[in-house]
Amino acid sequence: MHINIPMFLAFRRCAIFSTMVIFLATKKTNFEIKQFICTISVCIGALLASWEHLESNWFGIALVWLNNITQSLSNIYVEKLKQKGINVFGKFVITV
């Protein structure tokens, strides 16, 4: 077992941070300071909740972060499709 469910859920809360970082890198959009503070607060809370398990399983934590990053990339792709006026579910059905 690579990571338990509570650890997975704690680090899934950090997906907000990875989405923000990827949006900054790809779209060069600036976020308000309130959004940044809220995101950092959620991530600090997730880290504090999982503090005692951080040393035990780096591979599982890396898998969760990889999951967060791919989810963030998926969110950006869906937003691009919406801007072009393409139905996301229609595109999904065509590519499958």
N, C-alpha and C. Protein backbone atom coordinates (compact mmCIF):
# COMPACT_ATOMS: atom_id res chain seq x y z
N MET A 1 0.85 -1.16 0.00
CA MET A 1 0.00 0.00 0.00
C MET A 1 0.90 1.24 0.00
N HIS A 2 0.65 2.14 -0.93
CA HIS A 2 1.51 3.31 -1.07
C HIS A 2 1.08 4.46 -0.17
N ILE A 3 -0.22 4.67 -0.02
CA ILE A 3 -0.69 5.77 0.82
C ILE A 3 -2.10 5.44 1.31
N ASN A 4 -2.40 5.83 2.53
CA ASN A 4 -3.72 5.55 3.07
C ASN A 4 -4.71 6.65 2.65
N ILE A 5 -5.97 6.38 2.83
CA ILE A 5 -7.01 7.30 2.36
C ILE A 5 -6.97 8.65 3.06
N PRO A 6 -6.80 8.73 4.39
CA PRO A 6 -6.73 10.06 5.00
C PRO A 6 -5.57 10.92 4.47
N MET A 7 -4.43 10.30 4.22
CA MET A 7 -3.30 11.05 3.65
C MET A 7 -3.62 11.50 2.23
N PHE A 8 -4.25 10.64 1.46
CA PHE A 8 -4.63 11.01 0.10
C PHE A 8 -5.57 12.21 0.12
N LEU A 9 -6.55 12.17 1.00
CA LEU A 9 -7.51 13.27 1.07
C LEU A 9 -6.87 14.55 1.58
N ALA A 10 -5.92 14.44 2.49
CA ALA A 10 -5.24 15.63 3.00
C ALA A 10 -4.43 16.29 1.89
N PHE A 11 -3.71 15.51 1.12
CA PHE A 11 -2.91 16.10 0.06
C PHE A 11 -3.72 16.46 -1.17
N ARG A 12 -4.90 15.89 -1.34
CA ARG A 12 -5.78 16.30 -2.44
C ARG A 12 -6.24 17.74 -2.25
N ARG A 13 -6.27 18.19 -1.02
CA ARG A 13 -6.63 19.59 -0.77
C ARG A 13 -5.59 20.54 -1.35
N CYS A 14 -4.40 20.05 -1.58
CA CYS A 14 -3.35 20.89 -2.17
C CYS A 14 -3.47 20.98 -3.68
N ALA A 15 -4.48 20.35 -4.26
CA ALA A 15 -4.70 20.47 -5.71
C ALA A 15 -5.03 21.90 -6.09
N ILE A 16 -5.60 22.64 -5.16
CA ILE A 16 -5.88 24.06 -5.42
C ILE A 16 -4.57 24.79 -5.69
N PHE A 17 -3.55 24.48 -4.90
CA PHE A 17 -2.25 25.14 -5.07
C PHE A 17 -1.62 24.77 -6.41
N SER A 18 -1.66 23.49 -6.78
CA SER A 18 -1.06 23.09 -8.05
C SER A 18 -1.82 23.71 -9.22
N THR A 19 -3.12 23.83 -9.11
CA THR A 19 -3.89 24.49 -10.16
C THR A 19 -3.51 25.95 -10.27
N MET A 20 -3.33 26.61 -9.14
CA MET A 20 -2.93 28.02 -9.16
C MET A 20 -1.56 28.18 -9.80
N VAL A 21 -0.62 27.33 -9.46
CA VAL A 21 0.73 27.43 -10.01
C VAL A 21 0.73 27.18 -11.51
N ILE A 22 -0.03 26.19 -11.96
CA ILE A 22 -0.07 25.89 -13.40
C ILE A 22 -0.79 26.99 -14.16
N PHE A 23 -1.83 27.58 -13.59
CA PHE A 23 -2.48 28.72 -14.22
C PHE A 23 -1.51 29.89 -14.35
N LEU A 24 -0.71 30.13 -13.31
CA LEU A 24 0.27 31.21 -13.38
C LEU A 24 1.32 30.93 -14.46
N ALA A 25 1.73 29.68 -14.59
CA ALA A 25 2.77 29.33 -15.55
C ALA A 25 2.25 29.35 -16.99
N THR A 26 1.01 28.94 -17.21
CA THR A 26 0.52 28.82 -18.59
C THR A 26 -0.22 30.05 -19.07
N LYS A 27 -1.03 30.65 -18.21
CA LYS A 27 -1.88 31.75 -18.64
C LYS A 27 -1.38 33.11 -18.22
N LYS A 28 -0.38 33.14 -17.37
CA LYS A 28 0.18 34.41 -16.86
C LYS A 28 -0.90 35.28 -16.22
N THR A 29 -1.84 34.65 -15.55
CA THR A 29 -2.90 35.40 -14.87
C THR A 29 -2.46 35.69 -13.44
N ASN A 30 -2.85 36.83 -12.96
CA ASN A 30 -2.57 37.20 -11.57
C ASN A 30 -3.80 36.93 -10.71
N PHE A 31 -3.56 36.39 -9.55
CA PHE A 31 -4.64 36.12 -8.62
C PHE A 31 -4.66 37.20 -7.55
N GLU A 32 -5.82 37.41 -6.98
CA GLU A 32 -5.92 38.37 -5.89
C GLU A 32 -5.21 37.82 -4.66
N ILE A 33 -4.80 38.72 -3.79
CA ILE A 33 -4.09 38.32 -2.58
C ILE A 33 -4.98 37.48 -1.67
N LYS A 34 -6.30 37.73 -1.70
CA LYS A 34 -7.23 36.93 -0.89
C LYS A 34 -7.24 35.48 -1.35
N GLN A 35 -7.24 35.27 -2.67
CA GLN A 35 -7.22 33.91 -3.20
C GLN A 35 -5.92 33.20 -2.83
N PHE A 36 -4.82 33.92 -2.91
CA PHE A 36 -3.53 33.34 -2.57
C PHE A 36 -3.46 32.96 -1.10
N ILE A 37 -3.95 33.84 -0.23
CA ILE A 37 -3.92 33.56 1.21
C ILE A 37 -4.81 32.36 1.55
N CYS A 38 -5.98 32.28 0.93
CA CYS A 38 -6.86 31.14 1.17
C CYS A 38 -6.24 29.84 0.70
N THR A 39 -5.59 29.87 -0.45
CA THR A 39 -4.94 28.67 -0.98
C THR A 39 -3.81 28.22 -0.08
N ILE A 40 -2.99 29.14 0.35
CA ILE A 40 -1.88 28.80 1.25
C ILE A 40 -2.41 28.28 2.58
N SER A 41 -3.50 28.85 3.07
CA SER A 41 -4.09 28.38 4.33
C SER A 41 -4.57 26.95 4.23
N VAL A 42 -5.21 26.62 3.11
CA VAL A 42 -5.68 25.24 2.91
C VAL A 42 -4.49 24.28 2.84
N CYS A 43 -3.45 24.67 2.13
CA CYS A 43 -2.28 23.79 2.01
C CYS A 43 -1.56 23.61 3.33
N ILE A 44 -1.43 24.68 4.11
CA ILE A 44 -0.80 24.56 5.43
C ILE A 44 -1.63 23.66 6.33
N GLY A 45 -2.95 23.78 6.27
CA GLY A 45 -3.82 22.91 7.04
C GLY A 45 -3.66 21.45 6.65
N ALA A 46 -3.53 21.19 5.36
CA ALA A 46 -3.33 19.81 4.90
C ALA A 46 -1.98 19.28 5.36
N LEU A 47 -0.96 20.11 5.30
CA LEU A 47 0.36 19.67 5.77
C LEU A 47 0.37 19.41 7.27
N LEU A 48 -0.29 20.26 8.03
CA LEU A 48 -0.36 20.05 9.47
C LEU A 48 -1.15 18.79 9.81
N ALA A 49 -2.20 18.52 9.05
CA ALA A 49 -3.00 17.32 9.31
C ALA A 49 -2.22 16.04 9.04
N SER A 50 -1.27 16.11 8.12
CA SER A 50 -0.53 14.90 7.76
C SER A 50 0.92 14.95 8.22
N TRP A 51 1.23 15.81 9.17
CA TRP A 51 2.60 16.04 9.58
C TRP A 51 3.31 14.77 10.07
N GLU A 52 2.64 13.96 10.87
CA GLU A 52 3.31 12.79 11.45
C GLU A 52 3.55 11.68 10.43
N HIS A 53 2.90 11.74 9.28
CA HIS A 53 3.09 10.69 8.27
C HIS A 53 3.99 11.15 7.11
N LEU A 54 4.50 12.35 7.16
CA LEU A 54 5.27 12.87 6.03
C LEU A 54 6.57 12.10 5.80
N GLU A 55 7.21 11.64 6.84
CA GLU A 55 8.49 10.95 6.69
C GLU A 55 8.35 9.52 6.22
N SER A 56 7.19 8.93 6.39
CA SER A 56 7.07 7.50 6.19
C SER A 56 6.93 7.07 4.73
N ASN A 57 6.29 7.86 3.90
CA ASN A 57 5.97 7.35 2.58
C ASN A 57 6.08 8.45 1.52
N TRP A 58 7.28 8.69 1.04
CA TRP A 58 7.49 9.73 0.03
C TRP A 58 6.95 9.32 -1.33
N PHE A 59 7.00 8.03 -1.64
CA PHE A 59 6.51 7.58 -2.94
C PHE A 59 5.00 7.80 -3.06
N GLY A 60 4.27 7.49 -2.02
CA GLY A 60 2.82 7.72 -2.03
C GLY A 60 2.47 9.19 -2.13
N ILE A 61 3.23 10.02 -1.42
CA ILE A 61 3.00 11.47 -1.49
C ILE A 61 3.30 11.98 -2.89
N ALA A 62 4.36 11.46 -3.52
CA ALA A 62 4.68 11.86 -4.89
C ALA A 62 3.56 11.45 -5.86
N LEU A 63 2.96 10.29 -5.64
CA LEU A 63 1.84 9.86 -6.49
C LEU A 63 0.65 10.79 -6.34
N VAL A 64 0.37 11.23 -5.12
CA VAL A 64 -0.76 12.15 -4.91
C VAL A 64 -0.47 13.49 -5.59
N TRP A 65 0.75 13.98 -5.49
CA TRP A 65 1.09 15.25 -6.16
C TRP A 65 1.03 15.11 -7.67
N LEU A 66 1.43 13.96 -8.19
CA LEU A 66 1.29 13.72 -9.63
C LEU A 66 -0.18 13.73 -10.03
N ASN A 67 -1.02 13.16 -9.19
CA ASN A 67 -2.46 13.19 -9.41
C ASN A 67 -2.97 14.63 -9.40
N ASN A 68 -2.50 15.44 -8.45
CA ASN A 68 -2.91 16.85 -8.38
C ASN A 68 -2.51 17.62 -9.63
N ILE A 69 -1.29 17.38 -10.10
CA ILE A 69 -0.80 18.11 -11.29
C ILE A 69 -1.58 17.70 -12.53
N THR A 70 -1.84 16.41 -12.71
CA THR A 70 -2.60 15.99 -13.88
C THR A 70 -4.04 16.50 -13.82
N GLN A 71 -4.61 16.57 -12.64
CA GLN A 71 -5.96 17.14 -12.50
C GLN A 71 -5.95 18.62 -12.86
N SER A 72 -4.91 19.33 -12.47
CA SER A 72 -4.80 20.76 -12.80
C SER A 72 -4.66 20.96 -14.31
N LEU A 73 -3.85 20.13 -14.95
CA LEU A 73 -3.72 20.22 -16.40
C LEU A 73 -5.04 19.90 -17.10
N SER A 74 -5.78 18.95 -16.57
CA SER A 74 -7.09 18.63 -17.11
C SER A 74 -8.05 19.81 -16.98
N ASN A 75 -8.01 20.49 -15.85
CA ASN A 75 -8.87 21.67 -15.65
C ASN A 75 -8.56 22.76 -16.67
N ILE A 76 -7.28 22.97 -16.96
CA ILE A 76 -6.89 23.99 -17.93
C ILE A 76 -7.35 23.59 -19.33
N TYR A 77 -7.22 22.32 -19.67
CA TYR A 77 -7.65 21.84 -20.98
C TYR A 77 -9.16 22.01 -21.15
N VAL A 78 -9.92 21.68 -20.13
CA VAL A 78 -11.37 21.84 -20.19
C VAL A 78 -11.74 23.31 -20.35
N GLU A 79 -11.02 24.19 -19.68
CA GLU A 79 -11.31 25.61 -19.82
C GLU A 79 -11.03 26.10 -21.24
N LYS A 80 -9.95 25.61 -21.84
CA LYS A 80 -9.65 25.98 -23.23
C LYS A 80 -10.74 25.49 -24.17
N LEU A 81 -11.24 24.29 -23.93
CA LEU A 81 -12.31 23.77 -24.77
C LEU A 81 -13.58 24.59 -24.62
N LYS A 82 -13.88 25.02 -23.41
CA LYS A 82 -15.07 25.84 -23.19
C LYS A 82 -14.94 27.19 -23.87
N GLN A 83 -13.73 27.76 -23.88
CA GLN A 83 -13.53 29.04 -24.54
C GLN A 83 -13.71 28.93 -26.05
N LYS A 84 -13.38 27.77 -26.62
CA LYS A 84 -13.56 27.56 -28.05
C LYS A 84 -14.99 27.19 -28.40
N GLY A 85 -15.82 26.95 -27.39
CA GLY A 85 -17.21 26.60 -27.63
C GLY A 85 -17.43 25.12 -27.89
N ILE A 86 -16.46 24.30 -27.55
CA ILE A 86 -16.59 22.86 -27.75
C ILE A 86 -17.15 22.25 -26.48
N ASN A 87 -18.16 21.41 -26.63
CA ASN A 87 -18.74 20.71 -25.50
C ASN A 87 -17.73 19.68 -25.00
N VAL A 88 -17.42 19.73 -23.74
CA VAL A 88 -16.41 18.84 -23.16
C VAL A 88 -16.82 17.38 -23.29
N PHE A 89 -18.09 17.09 -23.04
CA PHE A 89 -18.53 15.70 -23.12
C PHE A 89 -18.57 15.23 -24.56
N GLY A 90 -18.89 16.10 -25.49
CA GLY A 90 -18.85 15.73 -26.90
C GLY A 90 -17.45 15.42 -27.36
N LYS A 91 -16.50 16.21 -26.91
CA LYS A 91 -15.10 15.96 -27.24
C LYS A 91 -14.63 14.65 -26.62
N PHE A 92 -15.05 14.37 -25.41
CA PHE A 92 -14.68 13.13 -24.73
C PHE A 92 -15.20 11.92 -25.49
N VAL A 93 -16.44 11.99 -25.93
CA VAL A 93 -17.05 10.85 -26.63
C VAL A 93 -16.35 10.64 -27.97
N ILE A 94 -15.96 11.72 -28.64
CA ILE A 94 -15.30 11.59 -29.94
C ILE A 94 -13.91 10.97 -29.77
N THR A 95 -13.16 11.38 -28.77
CA THR A 95 -11.80 10.88 -28.62
C THR A 95 -11.74 9.47 -28.06
N VAL A 96 -12.78 9.02 -27.39
CA VAL A 96 -12.78 7.67 -26.83
C VAL A 96 -13.15 6.74 -27.93
